[in-house]
Structure formats: C-alpha cells, structure tokens
Amino acid sequence: MTLTDRLIAPNATAGEVAAGFGAAFLGAALAFGLALHADLSWLGSAVVTFVAFDMFGGAVVNATESAKRWYHRPGRTALHHLGFVAIHLQPFLLALVVPGFSWLAAATIYGLALAGALLVTTAPRELRRPIAFGATALALTIAASMLTIPHVVAWFAPLLLIKLLLAHLLPENASH
C-alpha cells in the first residue's frame, strides 16, 4: 500500500489526491500562521500545524468517493467506524500544548464526537444521515457556546466533527 493509499484511499483519483492534499496544506499553513500570531511555543505551533493538516485534509479526503468505498467496503462494521473516531485523540494533544485549551474542553469535544458517532452507527440506515447532521449541529452549538476555546484553534471542533460525523461515517450511497 502506498503512502497515498494510506492517506487518501486506495485507487484515489488524481483530483481526489489534489483536493485532499491541497486542503491539508492550505489548512496547515493557515493554522501555522494563526499559531505564530498567537505566540505559541515551537512545539505548540508544530502540533497545531500537524493537527490542522489532518483535520483539513481529512474533512476533504473522507468525503471522497474513493475513501467512501474504502471505509465502507464489505466487512466493515460499526465497531470499525467507532474505532476510527476513538483514535482521534487530537483534542488531548491540543490541551497539552495550547494555553487556554482546557482538559475539560478536550474531553467534551472528544465525548461529543464519540457520542455522535455512537448515535449515527446505531441508527437505522435511513436515519443515519439526518442523525449525523443533527448530532453535528448539536455538538457544534455546545462547542461554540459552552466551551472556551482559544482563537488559535477555534477551527478545530467544527473540522473534527465534519471529518468524523459527516465525512467518515456516512457512506456515499445512503443505501449502504
């Protein structure tokens, strides 16, 4: 398996690769600029840039037809999808290196993503899409209005939720 197969999906088209890496690099550059402006440490800037690369790129990549085919291929179960969501520990990385990004905020964002994923994966097929959008809307509202998130990473919760609940968990064809 090539690096592109791992980062995008097997048999990704040139357009999907360009869109995924384009979003990843542009998002990383934007986040790096925000980190410099926020006077983060070199470690904080590096982590924020790396997380942005993953979130911006992942939000686009997980929405591609190639990634949908790969992640929703025969044999993939709700546990595979929940596991994919669960390994996204980036909120805790940010809590380690971004002043003002509390452990409570990290745990809340992580919990919202996991709870949303659980709702989506256990819902009847015909309700997964609307439930994913509802869970995302609710989680975004909680993150934006009830948590104090430093400006430098204000983009993080929305992108994590889009990447995981809307792009990753929903198959391209609603009948899958």
C-alpha atoms as a PDB file:
ATOM      1  CA  MET A   1       0.000   0.000   0.000  1.00  0.00           C
ATOM      2  CA  THR A   2       1.445   3.386  -0.994  1.00  0.00           C
ATOM      3  CA  LEU A   3       1.520   6.499   1.175  1.00  0.00           C
ATOM      4  CA  THR A   4      -1.264   8.000  -0.938  1.00  0.00           C
ATOM      5  CA  ASP A   5      -3.331   4.830  -0.465  1.00  0.00           C
ATOM      6  CA  ARG A   6      -2.910   5.238   3.309  1.00  0.00           C
ATOM      7  CA  LEU A   7      -3.507   8.995   3.488  1.00  0.00           C
ATOM      8  CA  ILE A   8      -6.262   9.264   0.884  1.00  0.00           C
ATOM      9  CA  ALA A   9      -7.596   5.853  -0.160  1.00  0.00           C
ATOM     10  CA  PRO A  10      -6.672   3.020  -2.477  1.00  0.00           C
ATOM     11  CA  ASN A  11      -7.353   3.919  -6.115  1.00  0.00           C
ATOM     12  CA  ALA A  12      -7.924   7.595  -5.335  1.00  0.00           C
ATOM     13  CA  THR A  13      -8.219   9.740  -8.430  1.00  0.00           C
ATOM     14  CA  ALA A  14      -5.724  12.493  -9.197  1.00  0.00           C
ATOM     15  CA  GLY A  15      -8.426  15.036  -8.381  1.00  0.00           C
ATOM     16  CA  GLU A  16      -9.146  13.445  -5.001  1.00  0.00           C
ATOM     17  CA  VAL A  17      -5.436  13.408  -4.169  1.00  0.00           C
ATOM     18  CA  ALA A  18      -5.061  17.053  -5.202  1.00  0.00           C
ATOM     19  CA  ALA A  19      -8.155  18.115  -3.247  1.00  0.00           C
ATOM     20  CA  GLY A  20      -7.110  16.204  -0.122  1.00  0.00           C
ATOM     21  CA  PHE A  21      -3.503  17.375  -0.056  1.00  0.00           C
ATOM     22  CA  GLY A  22      -4.490  20.868  -1.184  1.00  0.00           C
ATOM     23  CA  ALA A  23      -6.892  21.242   1.742  1.00  0.00           C
ATOM     24  CA  ALA A  24      -4.374  19.688   4.136  1.00  0.00           C
ATOM     25  CA  PHE A  25      -1.514  22.001   3.160  1.00  0.00           C
ATOM     26  CA  LEU A  26      -3.665  25.141   2.960  1.00  0.00           C
ATOM     27  CA  GLY A  27      -5.255  24.391   6.331  1.00  0.00           C
ATOM     28  CA  ALA A  28      -1.868  23.655   7.867  1.00  0.00           C
ATOM     29  CA  ALA A  29      -0.465  26.923   6.508  1.00  0.00           C
ATOM     30  CA  LEU A  30      -3.442  28.856   7.882  1.00  0.00           C
ATOM     31  CA  ALA A  31      -3.134  27.200  11.291  1.00  0.00           C
ATOM     32  CA  PHE A  32       0.632  27.795  11.329  1.00  0.00           C
ATOM     33  CA  GLY A  33       0.030  31.483  10.681  1.00  0.00           C
ATOM     34  CA  LEU A  34      -2.536  31.598  13.479  1.00  0.00           C
ATOM     35  CA  ALA A  35      -0.101  29.805  15.805  1.00  0.00           C
ATOM     36  CA  LEU A  36       2.682  32.298  15.026  1.00  0.00           C
ATOM     37  CA  HIS A  37       0.304  35.216  15.594  1.00  0.00           C
ATOM     38  CA  ALA A  38      -0.765  33.654  18.918  1.00  0.00           C
ATOM     39  CA  ASP A  39       2.891  33.367  20.011  1.00  0.00           C
ATOM     40  CA  LEU A  40       2.618  29.637  20.665  1.00  0.00           C
ATOM     41  CA  SER A  41       5.781  27.753  21.532  1.00  0.00           C
ATOM     42  CA  TRP A  42       7.585  25.981  18.709  1.00  0.00           C
ATOM     43  CA  LEU A  43       6.092  22.695  19.972  1.00  0.00           C
ATOM     44  CA  GLY A  44       2.605  24.203  20.176  1.00  0.00           C
ATOM     45  CA  SER A  45       2.936  25.616  16.662  1.00  0.00           C
ATOM     46  CA  ALA A  46       4.126  22.263  15.314  1.00  0.00           C
ATOM     47  CA  VAL A  47       1.291  20.318  16.965  1.00  0.00           C
ATOM     48  CA  VAL A  48      -1.361  22.817  15.848  1.00  0.00           C
ATOM     49  CA  THR A  49       0.012  22.685  12.288  1.00  0.00           C
ATOM     50  CA  PHE A  50       0.081  18.870  12.270  1.00  0.00           C
ATOM     51  CA  VAL A  51      -3.468  18.646  13.681  1.00  0.00           C
ATOM     52  CA  ALA A  52      -4.682  21.165  11.101  1.00  0.00           C
ATOM     53  CA  PHE A  53      -3.093  19.134   8.277  1.00  0.00           C
ATOM     54  CA  ASP A  54      -5.038  16.094   9.493  1.00  0.00           C
ATOM     55  CA  MET A  55      -8.346  17.908  10.110  1.00  0.00           C
ATOM     56  CA  PHE A  56      -8.478  19.993   6.928  1.00  0.00           C
ATOM     57  CA  GLY A  57      -7.192  17.158   4.761  1.00  0.00           C
ATOM     58  CA  GLY A  58      -9.317  14.538   6.499  1.00  0.00           C
ATOM     59  CA  ALA A  59     -12.530  16.523   6.158  1.00  0.00           C
ATOM     60  CA  VAL A  60     -11.998  16.555   2.389  1.00  0.00           C
ATOM     61  CA  VAL A  61     -10.480  13.090   1.979  1.00  0.00           C
ATOM     62  CA  ASN A  62     -13.180  11.311   3.983  1.00  0.00           C
ATOM     63  CA  ALA A  63     -15.790  12.841   1.700  1.00  0.00           C
ATOM     64  CA  THR A  64     -14.224  11.434  -1.491  1.00  0.00           C
ATOM     65  CA  GLU A  65     -15.780   8.527  -3.339  1.00  0.00           C
ATOM     66  CA  SER A  66     -12.542   6.537  -3.026  1.00  0.00           C
ATOM     67  CA  ALA A  67     -12.468   6.935   0.758  1.00  0.00           C
ATOM     68  CA  LYS A  68     -16.175   6.085   0.972  1.00  0.00           C
ATOM     69  CA  ARG A  69     -15.544   2.882  -0.981  1.00  0.00           C
ATOM     70  CA  TRP A  70     -12.574   2.026   1.250  1.00  0.00           C
ATOM     71  CA  TYR A  71     -14.073   2.788   4.649  1.00  0.00           C
ATOM     72  CA  HIS A  72     -17.490   1.336   3.811  1.00  0.00           C
ATOM     73  CA  ARG A  73     -16.287  -1.752   1.936  1.00  0.00           C
ATOM     74  CA  PRO A  74     -17.867  -5.131   2.714  1.00  0.00           C
ATOM     75  CA  GLY A  75     -16.947  -6.425   6.137  1.00  0.00           C
ATOM     76  CA  ARG A  76     -16.635  -3.022   7.792  1.00  0.00           C
ATOM     77  CA  THR A  77     -18.773  -2.761  10.902  1.00  0.00           C
ATOM     78  CA  ALA A  78     -19.959  -0.108  13.314  1.00  0.00           C
ATOM     79  CA  LEU A  79     -17.047  -1.086  15.573  1.00  0.00           C
ATOM     80  CA  HIS A  80     -14.557  -0.240  12.813  1.00  0.00           C
ATOM     81  CA  HIS A  81     -16.156   3.183  12.426  1.00  0.00           C
ATOM     82  CA  LEU A  82     -16.335   3.799  16.175  1.00  0.00           C
ATOM     83  CA  GLY A  83     -12.697   2.765  16.454  1.00  0.00           C
ATOM     84  CA  PHE A  84     -11.746   5.260  13.757  1.00  0.00           C
ATOM     85  CA  VAL A  85     -13.494   8.011  15.708  1.00  0.00           C
ATOM     86  CA  ALA A  86     -11.996   6.860  19.018  1.00  0.00           C
ATOM     87  CA  ILE A  87      -8.399   7.037  17.772  1.00  0.00           C
ATOM     88  CA  HIS A  88      -8.793  10.756  17.113  1.00  0.00           C
ATOM     89  CA  LEU A  89      -7.116  11.921  20.313  1.00  0.00           C
ATOM     90  CA  GLN A  90      -6.150  15.311  18.897  1.00  0.00           C
ATOM     91  CA  PRO A  91      -8.239  17.265  21.447  1.00  0.00           C
ATOM     92  CA  PHE A  92      -5.914  15.985  24.153  1.00  0.00           C
ATOM     93  CA  LEU A  93      -2.808  16.855  22.123  1.00  0.00           C
ATOM     94  CA  LEU A  94      -4.102  20.399  21.850  1.00  0.00           C
ATOM     95  CA  ALA A  95      -4.801  20.528  25.593  1.00  0.00           C
ATOM     96  CA  LEU A  96      -1.147  19.625  26.153  1.00  0.00           C
ATOM     97  CA  VAL A  97       0.328  22.424  24.051  1.00  0.00           C
ATOM     98  CA  VAL A  98      -2.210  25.237  23.586  1.00  0.00           C
ATOM     99  CA  PRO A  99      -2.575  27.544  26.579  1.00  0.00           C
ATOM    100  CA  GLY A 100      -6.244  28.028  27.412  1.00  0.00           C
ATOM    101  CA  PHE A 101      -7.379  24.825  25.698  1.00  0.00           C
ATOM    102  CA  SER A 102      -8.535  23.036  28.808  1.00  0.00           C
ATOM    103  CA  TRP A 103      -8.717  19.335  29.513  1.00  0.00           C
ATOM    104  CA  LEU A 104     -12.454  19.842  30.050  1.00  0.00           C
ATOM    105  CA  ALA A 105     -12.787  21.319  26.554  1.00  0.00           C
ATOM    106  CA  ALA A 106     -10.723  18.451  25.118  1.00  0.00           C
ATOM    107  CA  ALA A 107     -12.789  15.798  26.899  1.00  0.00           C
ATOM    108  CA  THR A 108     -16.051  17.490  25.932  1.00  0.00           C
ATOM    109  CA  ILE A 109     -15.147  17.718  22.232  1.00  0.00           C
ATOM    110  CA  TYR A 110     -13.884  14.129  22.242  1.00  0.00           C
ATOM    111  CA  GLY A 111     -17.029  12.952  24.045  1.00  0.00           C
ATOM    112  CA  LEU A 112     -19.289  14.835  21.637  1.00  0.00           C
ATOM    113  CA  ALA A 113     -17.586  13.183  18.656  1.00  0.00           C
ATOM    114  CA  LEU A 114     -17.853   9.720  20.224  1.00  0.00           C
ATOM    115  CA  ALA A 115     -21.478  10.227  21.283  1.00  0.00           C
ATOM    116  CA  GLY A 116     -22.376  11.475  17.820  1.00  0.00           C
ATOM    117  CA  ALA A 117     -20.617   8.503  16.239  1.00  0.00           C
ATOM    118  CA  LEU A 118     -22.478   6.109  18.512  1.00  0.00           C
ATOM    119  CA  LEU A 119     -25.811   7.702  17.572  1.00  0.00           C
ATOM    120  CA  VAL A 120     -25.021   7.527  13.858  1.00  0.00           C
ATOM    121  CA  THR A 121     -23.682   3.965  13.824  1.00  0.00           C
ATOM    122  CA  THR A 122     -26.589   2.557  15.829  1.00  0.00           C
ATOM    123  CA  ALA A 123     -29.319   4.384  13.917  1.00  0.00           C
ATOM    124  CA  PRO A 124     -31.360   2.677  11.215  1.00  0.00           C
ATOM    125  CA  ARG A 125     -29.704   3.174   7.819  1.00  0.00           C
ATOM    126  CA  GLU A 126     -32.350   5.569   6.549  1.00  0.00           C
ATOM    127  CA  LEU A 127     -31.849   7.854   9.569  1.00  0.00           C
ATOM    128  CA  ARG A 128     -28.038   7.924   9.701  1.00  0.00           C
ATOM    129  CA  ARG A 129     -27.605  10.999   7.509  1.00  0.00           C
ATOM    130  CA  PRO A 130     -30.127  13.214   9.335  1.00  0.00           C
ATOM    131  CA  ILE A 131     -28.883  11.978  12.703  1.00  0.00           C
ATOM    132  CA  ALA A 132     -25.293  12.743  11.704  1.00  0.00           C
ATOM    133  CA  PHE A 133     -26.272  16.276  10.746  1.00  0.00           C
ATOM    134  CA  GLY A 134     -28.331  16.722  13.914  1.00  0.00           C
ATOM    135  CA  ALA A 135     -25.538  15.394  16.141  1.00  0.00           C
ATOM    136  CA  THR A 136     -23.033  17.648  14.384  1.00  0.00           C
ATOM    137  CA  ALA A 137     -25.265  20.706  14.755  1.00  0.00           C
ATOM    138  CA  LEU A 138     -25.830  20.000  18.441  1.00  0.00           C
ATOM    139  CA  ALA A 139     -22.143  19.305  19.118  1.00  0.00           C
ATOM    140  CA  LEU A 140     -21.095  22.465  17.244  1.00  0.00           C
ATOM    141  CA  THR A 141     -23.527  24.517  19.282  1.00  0.00           C
ATOM    142  CA  ILE A 142     -22.173  23.096  22.531  1.00  0.00           C
ATOM    143  CA  ALA A 143     -18.557  23.610  21.469  1.00  0.00           C
ATOM    144  CA  ALA A 144     -19.163  27.159  20.227  1.00  0.00           C
ATOM    145  CA  SER A 145     -21.377  28.419  23.026  1.00  0.00           C
ATOM    146  CA  MET A 146     -20.477  26.469  26.161  1.00  0.00           C
ATOM    147  CA  LEU A 147     -16.723  25.905  25.849  1.00  0.00           C
ATOM    148  CA  THR A 148     -13.925  28.430  25.982  1.00  0.00           C
ATOM    149  CA  ILE A 149     -11.674  27.646  23.052  1.00  0.00           C
ATOM    150  CA  PRO A 150      -8.621  29.767  22.241  1.00  0.00           C
ATOM    151  CA  HIS A 151      -8.934  31.684  18.982  1.00  0.00           C
ATOM    152  CA  VAL A 152      -5.867  29.943  17.524  1.00  0.00           C
ATOM    153  CA  VAL A 153      -7.740  26.599  17.448  1.00  0.00           C
ATOM    154  CA  ALA A 154     -11.343  27.786  17.107  1.00  0.00           C
ATOM    155  CA  TRP A 155     -11.465  25.835  13.830  1.00  0.00           C
ATOM    156  CA  PHE A 156     -10.674  22.509  15.497  1.00  0.00           C
ATOM    157  CA  ALA A 157     -14.029  21.266  16.874  1.00  0.00           C
ATOM    158  CA  PRO A 158     -16.002  22.111  13.717  1.00  0.00           C
ATOM    159  CA  LEU A 159     -13.474  20.338  11.494  1.00  0.00           C
ATOM    160  CA  LEU A 160     -13.197  17.294  13.745  1.00  0.00           C
ATOM    161  CA  LEU A 161     -16.972  16.873  13.738  1.00  0.00           C
ATOM    162  CA  ILE A 162     -17.256  17.408   9.978  1.00  0.00           C
ATOM    163  CA  LYS A 163     -14.389  14.991   9.317  1.00  0.00           C
ATOM    164  CA  LEU A 164     -15.741  12.239  11.541  1.00  0.00           C
ATOM    165  CA  LEU A 165     -19.531  12.513  11.741  1.00  0.00           C
ATOM    166  CA  LEU A 166     -20.346  13.852   8.285  1.00  0.00           C
ATOM    167  CA  ALA A 167     -17.492  12.785   6.044  1.00  0.00           C
ATOM    168  CA  HIS A 168     -16.291   9.490   7.546  1.00  0.00           C
ATOM    169  CA  LEU A 169     -19.409   7.864   8.983  1.00  0.00           C
ATOM    170  CA  LEU A 170     -21.759   8.472   6.070  1.00  0.00           C
ATOM    171  CA  PRO A 171     -21.391   6.194   3.056  1.00  0.00           C
ATOM    172  CA  GLU A 172     -21.683   7.815  -0.368  1.00  0.00           C
ATOM    173  CA  ASN A 173     -24.822   5.851  -1.121  1.00  0.00           C
ATOM    174  CA  ALA A 174     -27.438   6.129   1.641  1.00  0.00           C
ATOM    175  CA  SER A 175     -28.456   2.510   0.985  1.00  0.00           C
ATOM    176  CA  HIS A 176     -25.095   1.185   2.320  1.00  0.00           C
END
